[in-house]
């Protein structure tokens, strides 16, 4: 059994609008497909418990080894012609994120 990080995407809808959550969970499974199946089942429960919708997108990553402090649990490479600042603005710093700034 290996460890897998699985990212699932959720939609939160309120009277003020819509938000999307990318949530990464860690699973021990025999394969990436099994990790995704377990994560998606948990994602449906998470969505039902929190009044959100699971959007059906799950991506897995097998980091290898046993997780510990500082372990990488998810990684995704994306090809893009955008320059670094434009890439960050387009995907990670749109100004609408609900996060603390450091």
Protein backbone atom coordinates (compact mmCIF):
# COMPACT_ATOMS: atom_id res chain seq x y z
CA UNK A 1 0.00 0.00 0.00
CA UNK A 2 1.26 3.45 -0.95
CA UNK A 3 0.26 6.93 0.20
CA UNK A 4 -1.61 9.21 -2.21
CA UNK A 5 -2.55 12.86 -2.01
CA UNK A 6 -5.91 13.43 -3.71
CA UNK A 7 -7.20 16.88 -4.65
CA UNK A 8 -10.97 17.30 -4.94
CA UNK A 9 -12.81 20.46 -5.96
CA UNK A 10 -15.99 21.78 -4.30
CA UNK A 11 -18.45 24.59 -4.98
CA UNK A 12 -19.77 26.66 -2.09
CA UNK A 13 -22.87 28.73 -2.87
CA UNK A 14 -24.19 31.44 -0.58
CA UNK A 15 -26.46 34.43 -1.00
CA UNK A 16 -23.28 36.48 -1.54
CA UNK A 17 -22.08 34.38 -4.45
CA UNK A 18 -20.03 31.34 -5.24
CA UNK A 19 -16.66 30.07 -3.96
CA UNK A 20 -14.58 27.07 -5.00
CA UNK A 21 -12.48 24.95 -2.67
CA UNK A 22 -9.55 22.77 -3.64
CA UNK A 23 -9.11 20.24 -0.86
CA UNK A 24 -6.20 17.80 -0.64
CA UNK A 25 -6.55 14.70 1.50
CA UNK A 26 -4.05 11.91 2.18
CA UNK A 27 -4.92 8.23 1.66
CA UNK A 28 -3.17 4.89 1.91
CA UNK A 29 -4.27 2.69 -1.00
CA UNK A 30 -3.12 -0.07 -3.35
CA UNK A 31 -3.41 2.16 -6.45
CA UNK A 32 -4.19 5.67 -7.63
CA UNK A 33 -7.63 4.52 -8.77
CA UNK A 34 -8.38 3.10 -5.31
CA UNK A 35 -7.17 6.30 -3.61
CA UNK A 36 -9.43 8.37 -5.87
CA UNK A 37 -12.41 6.10 -5.18
CA UNK A 38 -11.95 6.42 -1.40
CA UNK A 39 -11.32 10.16 -1.64
CA UNK A 40 -14.41 10.71 -3.80
CA UNK A 41 -16.58 8.80 -1.31
CA UNK A 42 -15.20 10.99 1.48
CA UNK A 43 -15.70 14.09 -0.72
CA UNK A 44 -19.40 13.29 -1.10
CA UNK A 45 -19.71 12.97 2.70
CA UNK A 46 -17.73 16.18 3.24
CA UNK A 47 -19.99 18.01 0.77
CA UNK A 48 -23.19 16.71 2.38
CA UNK A 49 -21.94 17.55 5.89
CA UNK A 50 -20.93 21.08 4.91
CA UNK A 51 -23.70 22.14 2.53
CA UNK A 52 -21.38 22.29 -0.47
CA UNK A 53 -21.23 20.43 -3.80
CA UNK A 54 -18.47 18.06 -4.91
CA UNK A 55 -17.75 18.88 -8.55
CA UNK A 56 -16.50 15.42 -9.53
CA UNK A 57 -12.87 16.43 -10.12
CA UNK A 58 -10.30 14.29 -8.33
CA UNK A 59 -6.58 14.22 -9.12
CA UNK A 60 -4.12 11.93 -7.34
CA UNK A 61 -0.41 12.07 -6.67
CA UNK A 62 1.78 9.31 -5.20
CA UNK A 63 4.63 10.98 -3.33
CA UNK A 64 6.38 7.72 -2.40
CA UNK A 65 7.61 6.78 1.03
CA UNK A 66 5.92 7.44 4.34
CA UNK A 67 4.53 10.93 4.93
CA UNK A 68 6.16 13.00 7.61
CA UNK A 69 6.87 16.59 8.50
CA UNK A 70 7.47 18.58 5.32
CA UNK A 71 6.46 15.70 3.02
CA UNK A 72 5.10 16.60 -0.38
CA UNK A 73 1.53 15.29 -0.57
CA UNK A 74 0.44 16.69 -3.92
CA UNK A 75 2.05 18.05 -7.05
CA UNK A 76 0.60 19.04 -10.41
CA UNK A 77 2.52 20.33 -13.42
CA UNK A 78 0.67 22.56 -15.87
CA UNK A 79 2.07 23.70 -19.22
CA UNK A 80 1.50 27.40 -19.88
CA UNK A 81 2.83 30.13 -22.15
CA UNK A 82 2.11 32.72 -19.44
CA UNK A 83 4.97 34.57 -17.77
CA UNK A 84 5.37 33.81 -14.03
CA UNK A 85 3.44 36.81 -12.64
CA UNK A 86 0.65 36.41 -15.19
CA UNK A 87 0.46 32.69 -14.38
CA UNK A 88 0.16 33.35 -10.64
CA UNK A 89 -2.47 36.04 -11.25
CA UNK A 90 -4.49 33.75 -13.53
CA UNK A 91 -4.51 30.66 -11.32
CA UNK A 92 -3.55 31.54 -7.74
CA UNK A 93 -3.70 35.26 -7.01
CA UNK A 94 -6.82 36.57 -8.69
CA UNK A 95 -7.65 38.76 -5.73
CA UNK A 96 -10.73 36.70 -4.86
CA UNK A 97 -8.98 34.07 -2.73
CA UNK A 98 -9.98 33.78 0.91
CA UNK A 99 -6.51 33.53 2.42
CA UNK A 100 -4.13 35.27 4.75
CA UNK A 101 -1.41 37.29 3.09
CA UNK A 102 2.16 36.84 4.28
